[in-house]
Amino acid sequence: MPTFTGKPDIEIMPERLMDRKKADELIAIIKGIDYVSDVDTRKHKFVGGGYLVGRFIVILSEEAEVEKVIEKLRSVCDKTMPHGYYVRVGRFVKPRPTVSDYLRGTVRNKKEG
């Protein structure tokens, strides 16, 4: 496992894209796991007006033990992703805003309130 300063994230990529309803159910289960702060998804649009999910990023709390969380995630993923999935540990969410984020206006200045 790679070494990080700060907390790593866990990426789960299903072998096949998941529909929105199934992905939302999986996200609700994952959020119920100890030490999981949030779950972010990467969505792919399709013609029917909805979207398919191709990537889940599990954001952990500071005190999380990554191996234990992965063990719990694997048991959930084994049940909900019968076609397989990949799990990676790394930094998938930016730890702080970049200059580009400020230039785009996606970050509000604290002084503006």
N, C-alpha and C. Protein backbone atom coordinates (compact mmCIF):
# COMPACT_ATOMS: atom_id res chain seq x y z
N MET A 1 0.84 -1.17 0.00
CA MET A 1 0.00 0.00 0.00
C MET A 1 0.89 1.24 0.00
N PRO A 2 0.52 2.27 -0.82
CA PRO A 2 1.33 3.48 -0.87
C PRO A 2 1.31 4.24 0.46
N THR A 3 2.35 5.03 0.69
CA THR A 3 2.42 5.84 1.92
C THR A 3 1.98 7.26 1.60
N PHE A 4 1.17 7.85 2.48
CA PHE A 4 0.65 9.19 2.28
C PHE A 4 0.82 10.00 3.53
N THR A 5 0.90 11.30 3.35
CA THR A 5 0.74 12.18 4.49
C THR A 5 -0.72 12.58 4.46
N GLY A 6 -1.39 12.44 5.56
CA GLY A 6 -2.83 12.68 5.58
C GLY A 6 -3.57 11.39 5.29
N LYS A 7 -4.83 11.51 5.02
CA LYS A 7 -5.64 10.33 4.81
C LYS A 7 -5.76 9.98 3.33
N PRO A 8 -5.65 8.70 2.97
CA PRO A 8 -5.87 8.30 1.59
C PRO A 8 -7.36 8.11 1.32
N ASP A 9 -7.70 8.00 0.05
CA ASP A 9 -9.06 7.69 -0.37
C ASP A 9 -9.05 6.26 -0.91
N ILE A 10 -10.23 5.69 -1.07
CA ILE A 10 -10.36 4.36 -1.66
C ILE A 10 -11.22 4.49 -2.91
N GLU A 11 -10.70 3.98 -4.02
CA GLU A 11 -11.42 4.03 -5.28
C GLU A 11 -11.97 2.62 -5.58
N ILE A 12 -13.24 2.56 -5.93
CA ILE A 12 -13.86 1.30 -6.32
C ILE A 12 -14.37 1.49 -7.75
N MET A 13 -13.89 0.63 -8.65
CA MET A 13 -14.32 0.70 -10.05
C MET A 13 -14.98 -0.62 -10.43
N PRO A 14 -16.28 -0.61 -10.69
CA PRO A 14 -16.94 -1.84 -11.12
C PRO A 14 -16.52 -2.22 -12.54
N GLU A 15 -16.53 -3.51 -12.82
CA GLU A 15 -16.19 -4.00 -14.17
C GLU A 15 -17.22 -3.51 -15.19
N ARG A 16 -18.46 -3.36 -14.75
CA ARG A 16 -19.52 -2.84 -15.62
C ARG A 16 -20.14 -1.62 -14.96
N LEU A 17 -20.55 -0.67 -15.79
CA LEU A 17 -21.19 0.53 -15.26
C LEU A 17 -22.48 0.15 -14.54
N MET A 18 -22.80 0.88 -13.47
CA MET A 18 -23.99 0.59 -12.67
C MET A 18 -25.05 1.64 -12.95
N ASP A 19 -26.32 1.22 -12.94
CA ASP A 19 -27.38 2.20 -13.12
C ASP A 19 -27.54 3.03 -11.84
N ARG A 20 -28.20 4.15 -11.97
CA ARG A 20 -28.30 5.13 -10.90
C ARG A 20 -28.94 4.56 -9.64
N LYS A 21 -30.01 3.80 -9.79
CA LYS A 21 -30.73 3.28 -8.62
C LYS A 21 -29.84 2.33 -7.82
N LYS A 22 -29.18 1.42 -8.51
CA LYS A 22 -28.30 0.45 -7.84
C LYS A 22 -27.10 1.17 -7.19
N ALA A 23 -26.58 2.17 -7.89
CA ALA A 23 -25.45 2.93 -7.35
C ALA A 23 -25.86 3.70 -6.10
N ASP A 24 -27.04 4.30 -6.10
CA ASP A 24 -27.52 5.03 -4.92
C ASP A 24 -27.70 4.10 -3.73
N GLU A 25 -28.18 2.89 -3.97
CA GLU A 25 -28.32 1.91 -2.88
C GLU A 25 -26.94 1.54 -2.32
N LEU A 26 -25.98 1.33 -3.21
CA LEU A 26 -24.62 0.99 -2.78
C LEU A 26 -23.99 2.13 -1.98
N ILE A 27 -24.20 3.36 -2.43
CA ILE A 27 -23.65 4.52 -1.72
C ILE A 27 -24.23 4.60 -0.31
N ALA A 28 -25.53 4.35 -0.16
CA ALA A 28 -26.16 4.39 1.17
C ALA A 28 -25.54 3.34 2.09
N ILE A 29 -25.25 2.16 1.56
CA ILE A 29 -24.64 1.09 2.37
C ILE A 29 -23.21 1.49 2.76
N ILE A 30 -22.45 2.01 1.79
CA ILE A 30 -21.06 2.39 2.05
C ILE A 30 -20.99 3.50 3.09
N LYS A 31 -21.90 4.48 3.02
CA LYS A 31 -21.89 5.58 4.00
C LYS A 31 -22.17 5.10 5.41
N GLY A 32 -22.77 3.91 5.53
CA GLY A 32 -23.05 3.35 6.84
C GLY A 32 -21.86 2.63 7.47
N ILE A 33 -20.79 2.46 6.73
CA ILE A 33 -19.59 1.79 7.24
C ILE A 33 -18.82 2.76 8.12
N ASP A 34 -18.30 2.25 9.23
CA ASP A 34 -17.52 3.08 10.16
C ASP A 34 -16.34 3.73 9.46
N TYR A 35 -16.06 4.98 9.81
CA TYR A 35 -14.93 5.77 9.34
C TYR A 35 -15.05 6.25 7.89
N VAL A 36 -16.22 6.06 7.26
CA VAL A 36 -16.43 6.60 5.92
C VAL A 36 -17.11 7.96 6.08
N SER A 37 -16.45 9.03 5.59
CA SER A 37 -17.04 10.37 5.70
C SER A 37 -17.99 10.67 4.55
N ASP A 38 -17.62 10.25 3.34
CA ASP A 38 -18.45 10.56 2.18
C ASP A 38 -18.10 9.62 1.03
N VAL A 39 -18.97 9.60 0.03
CA VAL A 39 -18.72 8.81 -1.17
C VAL A 39 -18.97 9.72 -2.36
N ASP A 40 -17.99 9.83 -3.24
CA ASP A 40 -18.11 10.63 -4.45
C ASP A 40 -18.20 9.68 -5.62
N THR A 41 -18.92 10.07 -6.67
CA THR A 41 -19.04 9.20 -7.84
C THR A 41 -18.61 9.94 -9.09
N ARG A 42 -18.23 9.18 -10.09
CA ARG A 42 -17.96 9.70 -11.42
C ARG A 42 -19.03 9.10 -12.31
N LYS A 43 -19.82 9.99 -12.91
CA LYS A 43 -20.99 9.55 -13.66
C LYS A 43 -20.75 9.66 -15.16
N HIS A 44 -21.42 8.78 -15.90
CA HIS A 44 -21.39 8.79 -17.36
C HIS A 44 -22.83 8.95 -17.83
N LYS A 45 -23.10 9.97 -18.63
CA LYS A 45 -24.46 10.19 -19.12
C LYS A 45 -24.80 9.17 -20.20
N PHE A 46 -26.08 8.87 -20.32
CA PHE A 46 -26.53 8.05 -21.43
C PHE A 46 -27.79 8.66 -22.00
N VAL A 47 -28.20 8.19 -23.16
CA VAL A 47 -29.26 8.81 -23.95
C VAL A 47 -30.60 8.90 -23.22
N GLY A 48 -30.93 7.99 -22.36
CA GLY A 48 -32.22 7.97 -21.70
C GLY A 48 -32.43 9.10 -20.70
N GLY A 49 -31.49 10.01 -20.58
CA GLY A 49 -31.65 11.14 -19.69
C GLY A 49 -31.09 10.90 -18.30
N GLY A 50 -30.70 9.70 -18.00
CA GLY A 50 -30.12 9.40 -16.70
C GLY A 50 -28.62 9.28 -16.81
N TYR A 51 -28.06 8.58 -15.86
CA TYR A 51 -26.62 8.38 -15.90
C TYR A 51 -26.26 7.00 -15.35
N LEU A 52 -25.07 6.57 -15.72
CA LEU A 52 -24.50 5.33 -15.21
C LEU A 52 -23.27 5.70 -14.38
N VAL A 53 -22.99 4.93 -13.35
CA VAL A 53 -21.86 5.23 -12.47
C VAL A 53 -20.73 4.26 -12.78
N GLY A 54 -19.52 4.80 -12.97
CA GLY A 54 -18.39 3.98 -13.31
C GLY A 54 -17.26 4.02 -12.30
N ARG A 55 -17.44 4.82 -11.24
CA ARG A 55 -16.35 4.94 -10.28
C ARG A 55 -16.90 5.50 -8.97
N PHE A 56 -16.50 4.91 -7.87
CA PHE A 56 -16.87 5.37 -6.54
C PHE A 56 -15.59 5.75 -5.81
N ILE A 57 -15.57 6.91 -5.19
CA ILE A 57 -14.42 7.32 -4.38
C ILE A 57 -14.90 7.44 -2.94
N VAL A 58 -14.34 6.61 -2.09
CA VAL A 58 -14.72 6.58 -0.68
C VAL A 58 -13.75 7.47 0.09
N ILE A 59 -14.29 8.50 0.73
CA ILE A 59 -13.48 9.45 1.48
C ILE A 59 -13.54 9.04 2.95
N LEU A 60 -12.37 8.85 3.53
CA LEU A 60 -12.28 8.33 4.90
C LEU A 60 -12.06 9.44 5.92
N SER A 61 -12.43 9.15 7.16
CA SER A 61 -12.14 10.08 8.25
C SER A 61 -10.67 9.91 8.64
N GLU A 62 -10.15 10.85 9.39
CA GLU A 62 -8.73 10.86 9.76
C GLU A 62 -8.29 9.61 10.53
N GLU A 63 -9.15 9.11 11.41
CA GLU A 63 -8.75 7.99 12.28
C GLU A 63 -9.02 6.61 11.66
N ALA A 64 -9.39 6.56 10.41
CA ALA A 64 -9.75 5.30 9.75
C ALA A 64 -8.54 4.38 9.57
N GLU A 65 -8.77 3.10 9.77
CA GLU A 65 -7.78 2.07 9.44
C GLU A 65 -8.17 1.54 8.07
N VAL A 66 -7.37 1.88 7.06
CA VAL A 66 -7.70 1.62 5.67
C VAL A 66 -7.97 0.14 5.41
N GLU A 67 -7.14 -0.74 5.95
CA GLU A 67 -7.30 -2.18 5.70
C GLU A 67 -8.65 -2.70 6.19
N LYS A 68 -9.08 -2.22 7.37
CA LYS A 68 -10.36 -2.67 7.93
C LYS A 68 -11.53 -2.16 7.10
N VAL A 69 -11.42 -0.92 6.63
CA VAL A 69 -12.49 -0.36 5.80
C VAL A 69 -12.57 -1.12 4.47
N ILE A 70 -11.42 -1.42 3.88
CA ILE A 70 -11.40 -2.17 2.61
C ILE A 70 -12.02 -3.54 2.80
N GLU A 71 -11.75 -4.18 3.91
CA GLU A 71 -12.33 -5.50 4.19
C GLU A 71 -13.86 -5.41 4.21
N LYS A 72 -14.40 -4.39 4.85
CA LYS A 72 -15.86 -4.21 4.90
C LYS A 72 -16.41 -3.86 3.52
N LEU A 73 -15.66 -3.03 2.76
CA LEU A 73 -16.10 -2.66 1.42
C LEU A 73 -16.14 -3.86 0.49
N ARG A 74 -15.15 -4.74 0.61
CA ARG A 74 -15.11 -5.93 -0.25
C ARG A 74 -16.33 -6.82 -0.02
N SER A 75 -16.76 -6.97 1.23
CA SER A 75 -17.94 -7.81 1.48
C SER A 75 -19.19 -7.20 0.86
N VAL A 76 -19.30 -5.87 0.90
CA VAL A 76 -20.44 -5.19 0.29
C VAL A 76 -20.36 -5.29 -1.24
N CYS A 77 -19.19 -5.04 -1.81
CA CYS A 77 -19.01 -5.06 -3.26
C CYS A 77 -19.19 -6.46 -3.84
N ASP A 78 -18.77 -7.48 -3.11
CA ASP A 78 -18.95 -8.86 -3.59
C ASP A 78 -20.43 -9.18 -3.80
N LYS A 79 -21.29 -8.62 -2.95
CA LYS A 79 -22.73 -8.87 -3.05
C LYS A 79 -23.39 -8.02 -4.13
N THR A 80 -22.90 -6.79 -4.34
CA THR A 80 -23.59 -5.87 -5.25
C THR A 80 -22.97 -5.76 -6.64
N MET A 81 -21.75 -6.27 -6.82
CA MET A 81 -21.09 -6.20 -8.12
C MET A 81 -20.68 -7.60 -8.56
N PRO A 82 -21.63 -8.39 -9.09
CA PRO A 82 -21.33 -9.77 -9.44
C PRO A 82 -20.34 -9.93 -10.60
N HIS A 83 -20.15 -8.88 -11.39
CA HIS A 83 -19.24 -8.97 -12.54
C HIS A 83 -17.81 -8.57 -12.19
N GLY A 84 -17.58 -8.20 -10.94
CA GLY A 84 -16.23 -7.87 -10.49
C GLY A 84 -16.02 -6.37 -10.33
N TYR A 85 -14.91 -6.03 -9.69
CA TYR A 85 -14.57 -4.64 -9.41
C TYR A 85 -13.10 -4.56 -9.05
N TYR A 86 -12.57 -3.35 -9.10
CA TYR A 86 -11.19 -3.08 -8.70
C TYR A 86 -11.20 -2.13 -7.51
N VAL A 87 -10.25 -2.31 -6.60
CA VAL A 87 -10.11 -1.42 -5.45
C VAL A 87 -8.68 -0.87 -5.46
N ARG A 88 -8.55 0.44 -5.34
CA ARG A 88 -7.24 1.08 -5.25
C ARG A 88 -7.25 2.06 -4.08
N VAL A 89 -6.09 2.22 -3.47
CA VAL A 89 -5.92 3.20 -2.40
C VAL A 89 -5.01 4.28 -2.93
N GLY A 90 -5.40 5.53 -2.74
CA GLY A 90 -4.58 6.63 -3.22
C GLY A 90 -5.22 7.96 -2.88
N ARG A 91 -4.77 9.01 -3.54
CA ARG A 91 -5.33 10.33 -3.34
C ARG A 91 -6.13 10.65 -4.60
N PHE A 92 -7.46 10.58 -4.52
CA PHE A 92 -8.32 10.80 -5.67
C PHE A 92 -9.13 12.08 -5.58
N VAL A 93 -9.14 12.68 -4.40
CA VAL A 93 -9.84 13.95 -4.18
C VAL A 93 -8.79 14.96 -3.76
N LYS A 94 -8.83 16.14 -4.36
CA LYS A 94 -7.83 17.17 -4.04
C LYS A 94 -7.91 17.55 -2.57
N PRO A 95 -6.76 17.60 -1.88
CA PRO A 95 -6.79 17.96 -0.46
C PRO A 95 -7.08 19.44 -0.21
N ARG A 96 -6.80 20.28 -1.19
CA ARG A 96 -7.10 21.71 -1.06
C ARG A 96 -7.30 22.30 -2.46
N PRO A 97 -7.96 23.45 -2.55
CA PRO A 97 -8.22 24.05 -3.86
C PRO A 97 -6.93 24.46 -4.57
N THR A 98 -6.97 24.40 -5.89
CA THR A 98 -5.83 24.82 -6.70
C THR A 98 -6.05 26.25 -7.20
N VAL A 99 -5.04 26.83 -7.81
CA VAL A 99 -5.16 28.17 -8.38
C VAL A 99 -6.25 28.18 -9.45
N SER A 100 -6.32 27.11 -10.24
CA SER A 100 -7.35 27.02 -11.28
C SER A 100 -8.75 27.06 -10.69
N ASP A 101 -8.94 26.44 -9.53
CA ASP A 101 -10.25 26.48 -8.87
C ASP A 101 -10.64 27.91 -8.51
N TYR A 102 -9.68 28.68 -8.03
CA TYR A 102 -9.96 30.08 -7.70
C TYR A 102 -10.25 30.90 -8.95
N LEU A 103 -9.50 30.65 -10.04
CA LEU A 103 -9.72 31.39 -11.28
C LEU A 103 -11.08 31.08 -11.89
N ARG A 104 -11.53 29.83 -11.78
CA ARG A 104 -12.85 29.44 -12.29
C ARG A 104 -13.98 29.98 -11.43
N GLY A 105 -13.65 30.38 -10.21
CA GLY A 105 -14.68 30.89 -9.32
C GLY A 105 -15.43 29.79 -8.58
N THR A 106 -14.86 28.60 -8.51
CA THR A 106 -15.54 27.51 -7.82
C THR A 106 -15.25 27.48 -6.33
N VAL A 107 -14.36 28.37 -5.86
CA VAL A 107 -14.04 28.46 -4.43
C VAL A 107 -14.38 29.86 -3.95
N ARG A 108 -15.14 29.92 -2.88
CA ARG A 108 -15.48 31.23 -2.32
C ARG A 108 -14.43 31.67 -1.33
N ASN A 109 -14.13 32.93 -1.33
CA ASN A 109 -13.18 33.51 -0.39
C ASN A 109 -13.83 33.57 0.99
N LYS A 110 -13.12 33.21 2.04
CA LYS A 110 -13.68 33.22 3.40
C LYS A 110 -14.15 34.61 3.81
N LYS A 111 -13.49 35.65 3.33
CA LYS A 111 -13.84 37.02 3.68
C LYS A 111 -15.20 37.42 3.09
N GLU A 112 -15.55 36.80 1.93
CA GLU A 112 -16.82 37.11 1.27
C GLU A 112 -17.99 36.55 2.04
N GLY A 113 -17.74 35.47 2.82
CA GLY A 113 -18.74 34.88 3.67
C GLY A 113 -19.63 34.00 2.97
